[in-house]
Protein backbone atom coordinates (compact mmCIF):
# COMPACT_ATOMS: atom_id res chain seq x y z
CA MET A 1 0.00 0.00 0.00
CA ARG A 2 1.37 3.45 -0.99
CA ASP A 3 1.75 6.09 1.69
CA VAL A 4 -0.07 8.72 -0.38
CA SER A 5 -3.48 7.35 -1.31
CA LEU A 6 -7.13 8.06 -0.65
CA GLN A 7 -7.41 4.79 1.31
CA HIS A 8 -4.53 5.84 3.54
CA PHE A 9 -6.03 9.27 4.19
CA ILE A 10 -9.35 7.64 5.06
CA GLY A 11 -7.59 5.50 7.66
CA ILE A 12 -6.01 8.62 9.17
CA ALA A 13 -9.28 10.56 9.05
CA VAL A 14 -11.16 7.78 10.85
CA MET A 15 -8.47 7.80 13.55
CA VAL A 16 -8.67 11.57 14.06
CA LEU A 17 -12.48 11.69 14.00
CA GLY A 18 -12.82 8.67 16.28
CA ALA A 19 -10.34 10.04 18.81
CA GLY A 20 -12.01 13.44 18.86
CA LEU A 21 -15.50 12.04 19.33
CA CYS A 22 -14.44 9.57 22.02
CA VAL A 23 -12.52 12.19 24.02
CA TRP A 24 -15.50 14.57 23.78
CA GLY A 25 -17.92 11.83 24.77
CA ALA A 26 -15.82 10.68 27.72
CA ARG A 27 -15.44 14.24 29.03
CA MET A 28 -18.90 15.61 28.45
CA HIS A 29 -21.26 12.66 28.38
CA TRP A 30 -19.75 9.88 30.48
CA GLY A 31 -22.31 7.32 31.53
CA ARG A 32 -23.63 3.92 30.62
CA GLY A 33 -23.63 4.79 26.91
CA MET A 34 -19.95 5.79 26.80
CA ALA A 35 -19.04 2.79 28.95
CA VAL A 36 -20.63 0.60 26.29
CA VAL A 37 -18.68 2.47 23.59
CA THR A 38 -15.43 1.93 25.49
CA ARG A 39 -15.92 -1.79 25.86
CA GLY A 40 -17.25 -2.03 22.34
CA LEU A 41 -14.01 -0.47 21.09
CA ALA A 42 -12.06 -3.04 23.11
CA LEU A 43 -14.00 -5.87 21.47
CA LEU A 44 -13.57 -4.31 18.02
CA ILE A 45 -9.78 -4.17 18.45
CA VAL A 46 -9.68 -7.83 19.52
CA ALA A 47 -11.97 -8.86 16.67
CA ALA A 48 -9.78 -7.15 14.05
CA TRP A 49 -6.55 -8.45 15.58
CA ALA A 50 -7.78 -12.04 15.87
CA GLY A 51 -9.65 -11.78 12.58
CA GLU A 52 -6.43 -11.14 10.71
CA TYR A 53 -5.00 -14.44 11.94
CA ILE A 54 -8.24 -16.24 11.15
CA ALA A 55 -8.20 -14.78 7.63
CA ASP A 56 -4.62 -15.99 7.13
CA ALA A 57 -5.65 -19.50 8.18
CA VAL A 58 -8.77 -19.53 5.99
CA LEU A 59 -6.80 -18.31 2.98
CA GLY A 60 -4.07 -20.89 3.60
CA ILE A 61 -1.29 -18.34 4.05
CA TRP A 62 -0.72 -18.80 7.79
CA SER A 63 2.96 -19.38 8.57
CA LEU A 64 5.17 -19.71 11.62
CA ARG A 65 7.49 -17.14 10.07
CA TYR A 66 4.84 -14.44 9.84
CA ASP A 67 1.81 -15.28 11.96
CA LEU A 68 2.87 -15.87 15.53
CA PRO A 69 1.67 -13.08 17.86
CA LEU A 70 5.17 -11.69 18.31
CA GLN A 71 4.90 -8.28 16.66
CA LEU A 72 4.70 -5.23 18.91
CA THR A 73 1.33 -4.65 17.26
CA ASP A 74 0.08 -7.88 18.85
CA ALA A 75 1.06 -6.66 22.29
CA VAL A 76 -0.43 -3.22 21.65
CA SER A 77 -3.75 -4.68 20.48
CA VAL A 78 -4.16 -6.96 23.50
CA VAL A 79 -3.01 -4.33 26.00
CA SER A 80 -5.27 -1.67 24.46
CA ALA A 81 -8.31 -3.90 24.71
CA LEU A 82 -7.52 -4.79 28.33
CA ALA A 83 -6.87 -1.15 29.21
CA LEU A 84 -10.20 -0.09 27.75
CA TRP A 85 -12.01 -2.90 29.55
CA THR A 86 -10.40 -2.50 32.99
CA GLU A 87 -8.92 1.05 33.07
CA ARG A 88 -6.01 -0.25 35.13
CA PRO A 89 -3.30 2.46 35.28
CA ARG A 90 -0.42 0.14 34.32
CA LEU A 91 -2.32 -1.06 31.26
CA VAL A 92 -3.37 2.49 30.39
CA GLU A 93 0.22 3.73 30.39
CA LEU A 94 1.28 0.87 28.13
CA CYS A 95 -1.68 1.46 25.85
CA TYR A 96 -1.08 5.20 25.60
CA LEU A 97 2.68 5.20 25.11
CA TRP A 98 2.68 2.27 22.67
CA ALA A 99 -0.30 3.55 20.70
CA MET A 100 0.95 7.12 20.42
CA THR A 101 4.35 5.92 19.17
CA ALA A 102 4.28 2.52 17.46
CA SER A 103 0.63 2.49 16.38
CA LEU A 104 0.69 6.11 15.25
CA GLN A 105 3.79 5.44 13.17
CA ALA A 106 2.08 2.39 11.67
CA VAL A 107 -0.92 4.48 10.63
CA LEU A 108 1.11 7.37 9.23
CA THR A 109 3.64 5.14 7.40
CA PRO A 110 1.83 1.81 6.93
CA ASP A 111 3.77 -1.36 6.08
CA LEU A 112 0.77 -2.85 4.29
CA ALA A 113 0.68 -4.74 1.00
CA TYR A 114 -3.12 -4.76 0.74
CA SER A 115 -5.60 -2.04 -0.16
CA PHE A 116 -9.37 -1.56 -0.06
CA PRO A 117 -11.48 -3.73 -0.12
CA SER A 118 -9.11 -6.43 1.19
CA ILE A 119 -10.00 -7.78 4.64
CA PHE A 120 -6.43 -7.02 5.67
CA TYR A 121 -6.90 -3.33 4.88
CA PHE A 122 -9.77 -3.22 7.36
CA THR A 123 -8.12 -5.31 10.07
CA TYR A 124 -4.89 -3.30 9.87
CA PHE A 125 -6.52 0.09 10.28
CA ILE A 126 -9.13 -1.09 12.79
CA TYR A 127 -6.67 -2.39 15.36
CA HIS A 128 -4.11 0.39 14.80
CA ASP A 129 -6.68 3.19 14.74
CA GLY A 130 -8.52 1.52 17.60
CA ALA A 131 -5.46 1.50 19.84
CA ILE A 132 -4.85 5.21 19.21
CA VAL A 133 -8.50 6.14 19.73
CA GLY A 134 -8.55 4.06 22.92
CA ALA A 135 -5.39 5.70 24.22
CA CYS A 136 -6.83 9.18 23.65
CA LEU A 137 -10.14 8.18 25.24
CA LEU A 138 -8.45 6.88 28.38
CA VAL A 139 -5.82 9.57 28.91
CA PHE A 140 -7.46 12.71 27.48
CA GLY A 141 -11.09 11.70 27.90
CA ARG A 142 -11.18 9.70 31.12
CA ARG A 143 -8.15 11.63 32.47
CA ILE A 144 -6.30 8.52 33.65
CA HIS A 145 -2.94 10.23 33.79
CA LEU A 146 0.48 8.65 33.45
CA ARG A 147 2.10 7.88 36.77
CA SER A 148 5.67 8.41 37.90
CA GLY A 149 8.07 6.00 36.20
CA ALA A 150 5.71 5.20 33.32
CA LEU A 151 8.26 6.13 30.67
CA ARG A 152 10.90 3.83 32.12
CA ARG A 153 8.49 0.94 32.64
CA VAL A 154 7.13 1.09 29.10
CA TYR A 155 10.59 1.36 27.55
CA LEU A 156 11.86 -1.66 29.50
CA THR A 157 8.71 -3.60 28.65
CA THR A 158 9.28 -2.81 24.97
CA LEU A 159 12.86 -4.08 25.17
CA ALA A 160 11.66 -7.24 26.88
CA TRP A 161 9.07 -7.82 24.16
CA ALA A 162 11.78 -7.26 21.53
CA CYS A 163 13.84 -10.01 23.17
CA VAL A 164 10.88 -12.39 22.94
CA SER A 165 10.35 -11.43 19.30
CA GLY A 166 14.05 -11.87 18.59
CA LEU A 167 13.93 -15.39 20.01
CA GLY A 168 10.93 -16.05 17.77
CA ASP A 169 12.93 -14.82 14.78
CA VAL A 170 15.79 -17.18 15.59
CA LEU A 171 13.50 -20.18 16.00
CA THR A 172 11.27 -19.54 12.97
CA GLY A 173 13.43 -17.59 10.57
CA GLY A 174 10.83 -14.82 10.64
CA ASN A 175 11.19 -11.08 10.89
CA TYR A 176 9.08 -10.21 13.92
CA MET A 177 9.45 -6.56 15.01
CA PHE A 178 11.66 -6.14 11.91
CA LEU A 179 14.71 -7.31 13.83
CA ARG A 180 16.21 -9.20 10.88
CA GLU A 181 15.49 -6.70 8.12
CA LYS A 182 13.57 -3.51 7.47
CA PRO A 183 9.89 -3.55 6.43
CA GLU A 184 9.23 -4.43 2.81
CA HIS A 185 6.97 -1.42 2.33
CA SER A 186 7.12 2.23 3.34
CA SER A 187 7.91 2.80 7.00
CA LEU A 188 9.79 5.21 9.22
CA LEU A 189 12.43 2.50 9.68
CA SER A 190 13.25 2.79 5.98
CA ALA A 191 14.95 6.12 6.69
CA LEU A 192 17.14 4.87 9.53
CA GLY A 193 19.91 3.12 7.62
CA SER A 194 20.77 -0.52 7.02
CA TRP A 195 20.76 -3.48 9.41
CA PRO A 196 21.70 -3.43 12.27
CA TRP A 197 22.01 0.35 12.49
CA TYR A 198 18.28 1.03 12.24
CA ILE A 199 17.75 -1.25 15.24
CA LEU A 200 20.38 0.55 17.31
CA ILE A 201 19.11 3.99 16.29
CA THR A 202 15.56 2.98 17.15
CA MET A 203 16.55 1.51 20.52
CA VAL A 204 18.92 4.29 21.63
CA VAL A 205 17.46 7.41 20.01
CA LEU A 206 14.10 7.08 18.27
CA ALA A 207 12.11 4.99 20.75
CA PRO A 208 13.15 7.00 23.84
CA ALA A 209 12.52 10.28 22.01
CA LEU A 210 9.06 9.29 20.76
CA LEU A 211 8.04 7.86 24.14
CA ALA A 212 9.23 11.03 25.87
CA LEU A 213 7.33 13.17 23.37
CA ALA A 214 4.10 11.21 23.88
CA ALA A 215 4.47 11.37 27.65
CA GLY A 216 5.27 15.08 27.44
CA VAL A 217 2.07 15.79 25.49
CA ALA A 218 -0.01 13.93 28.07
CA ARG A 219 1.59 15.79 30.97
CA LEU A 220 1.32 19.13 29.18
CA VAL A 221 -2.42 18.62 28.72
CA GLN A 222 -2.75 17.62 32.36
CA ARG A 223 -0.92 20.72 33.58
CA TRP A 224 -2.79 22.99 31.17
CA GLU A 225 -6.07 21.77 32.59
CA GLY A 226 -4.81 22.04 36.13
CA ALA A 227 -6.36 18.63 36.75
CA ALA A 228 -5.27 16.24 39.45
CA PRO A 229 -5.33 12.49 38.78
CA PRO A 230 -8.88 11.17 39.20
CA SER A 231 -9.90 9.49 42.42
CA MET A 232 -9.98 5.81 41.67
CA PRO A 233 -9.15 2.51 43.39
CA SER A 234 -5.50 1.56 43.48
CA ARG A 235 -5.15 -1.09 40.80
CA LEU A 236 -1.81 -2.59 39.76
């Protein structure tokens, strides 16, 4: 899929519109209806994420090299759904920081070989857009703010997941998290040099910078509003 296309812009537009409406709804009209929307979004993310694997199996293209749940996207999709369903602060911080970095990059520079009306076009944008919309809903709408140490915890969790993906690459010969080679299609990683330099640049410079930027935006909004973290049960 080309970066500049009507289908791509539609995916971005749905993300922006969905995030805006959900933040507005959570702030101004929270109640049973918005609670249903929140959990419905969680189910939609899971359905798109799992549906992609089911489609691979039905079409006979499922492979150990490509279809184990070892991409960061897999972790983001599951964590986002759980965060929306439970609103646990640790899950919310993972959802927000992963969605506003990895998922946002995936929407803006999609590594996608399929276009409309392929099922994979819909699954890709649903679970990526859904994670971003969910992150905005939880942090900017529900005001579940990032807690002290969130940046460090999410970065270390990302490195740990990369180690798991790397082991999967060794055992299957796959390219989970693009640790063996850069994406085949357009992606931000394409501009970061050859292997292994793009991995080192991402780990040492890009990932920390993007995580810090996302966290900074959330904290800037919190300070601008003068809002304290909401009163809620302590949930770890």
